[in-house]
Amino acid sequence: MRTLLLNLWDDFSNWVTHVWSPATYAIVVTIFGLIALTCILGFLKGPKFNKDVKPFKWGSVVICVVCLLVIGVISLARYM
């Protein structure tokens, strides 16, 4: 099982490093970064006009954390 996971990581790392061009890597990281930034700003801003709604939307925080984790995994695969 462990060798399967290590082999999968090696395949993913080689795919990100050798198959993706630097422009593709930059576009993917930028898109996930913008999604994370939009989600965290939406979370911090809260509802503007309707004060009866819950002030925080926790789903946007989860999406932000997932996007930042994806950026971290892609960056780790690219540069390690």
Protein backbone atom coordinates (compact mmCIF):
# COMPACT_ATOMS: atom_id res chain seq x y z
CA MET A 1 0.00 0.00 0.00
CA ARG A 2 2.79 2.36 0.90
CA THR A 3 4.63 1.73 -2.34
CA LEU A 4 1.43 2.36 -4.25
CA LEU A 5 1.02 5.74 -2.56
CA LEU A 6 4.66 6.64 -3.13
CA ASN A 7 4.39 5.60 -6.77
CA LEU A 8 1.24 7.70 -7.14
CA TRP A 9 3.02 10.70 -5.61
CA ASP A 10 6.00 10.22 -7.94
CA ASP A 11 3.70 10.06 -10.96
CA PHE A 12 1.84 13.20 -9.86
CA SER A 13 5.08 15.06 -9.14
CA ASN A 14 6.53 14.14 -12.53
CA TRP A 15 3.29 15.18 -14.23
CA VAL A 16 3.29 18.60 -12.54
CA THR A 17 7.02 19.13 -13.04
CA HIS A 18 7.60 17.87 -16.57
CA VAL A 19 4.26 17.96 -18.38
CA TRP A 20 2.95 21.30 -17.12
CA SER A 21 4.61 24.36 -18.58
CA PRO A 22 5.47 27.24 -16.27
CA ALA A 23 2.50 29.17 -17.68
CA THR A 24 0.11 26.30 -16.90
CA TYR A 25 1.44 26.07 -13.36
CA ALA A 26 1.05 29.83 -12.87
CA ILE A 27 -2.50 29.81 -14.25
CA VAL A 28 -3.60 26.90 -12.03
CA VAL A 29 -2.08 28.42 -8.89
CA THR A 30 -3.55 31.85 -9.73
CA ILE A 31 -7.03 30.42 -10.23
CA PHE A 32 -6.98 28.52 -6.94
CA GLY A 33 -5.51 31.60 -5.21
CA LEU A 34 -8.26 33.85 -6.53
CA ILE A 35 -10.94 31.38 -5.45
CA ALA A 36 -9.40 31.22 -1.95
CA LEU A 37 -9.10 35.00 -1.75
CA THR A 38 -12.69 35.51 -2.86
CA CYS A 39 -13.96 32.97 -0.34
CA ILE A 40 -12.03 34.42 2.60
CA LEU A 41 -13.11 37.96 1.72
CA GLY A 42 -16.72 36.80 1.48
CA PHE A 43 -16.36 35.18 4.89
CA LEU A 44 -14.86 38.27 6.50
CA LYS A 45 -17.29 40.67 4.88
CA GLY A 46 -20.43 38.88 6.06
CA PRO A 47 -23.95 39.90 5.10
CA LYS A 48 -24.18 43.55 4.20
CA PHE A 49 -27.87 44.35 4.16
CA ASN A 50 -29.74 41.52 5.85
CA LYS A 51 -28.68 41.34 9.49
CA ASP A 52 -31.09 38.46 10.25
CA VAL A 53 -28.90 36.00 8.35
CA LYS A 54 -26.05 34.25 10.14
CA PRO A 55 -23.03 36.55 10.00
CA PHE A 56 -20.52 33.91 8.93
CA LYS A 57 -20.71 31.37 6.13
CA TRP A 58 -18.46 28.52 7.16
CA GLY A 59 -18.68 26.85 3.77
CA SER A 60 -16.56 29.61 2.27
CA VAL A 61 -13.88 29.00 4.90
CA VAL A 62 -13.82 25.30 4.04
CA ILE A 63 -13.50 26.09 0.32
CA CYS A 64 -10.70 28.54 1.09
CA VAL A 65 -8.78 25.99 3.15
CA VAL A 66 -9.21 23.32 0.46
CA CYS A 67 -7.96 25.71 -2.25
CA LEU A 68 -4.93 26.65 -0.15
CA LEU A 69 -4.20 22.95 0.47
CA VAL A 70 -4.40 22.26 -3.26
CA ILE A 71 -1.95 25.12 -3.90
CA GLY A 72 0.36 23.67 -1.27
CA VAL A 73 0.24 20.16 -2.73
CA ILE A 74 0.84 21.41 -6.28
CA SER A 75 3.73 23.60 -5.11
CA LEU A 76 5.21 20.74 -3.10
CA ALA A 77 4.96 18.44 -6.11
CA ARG A 78 6.54 21.05 -8.36
CA TYR A 79 9.50 22.08 -6.22
CA MET A 80 10.34 18.99 -4.14
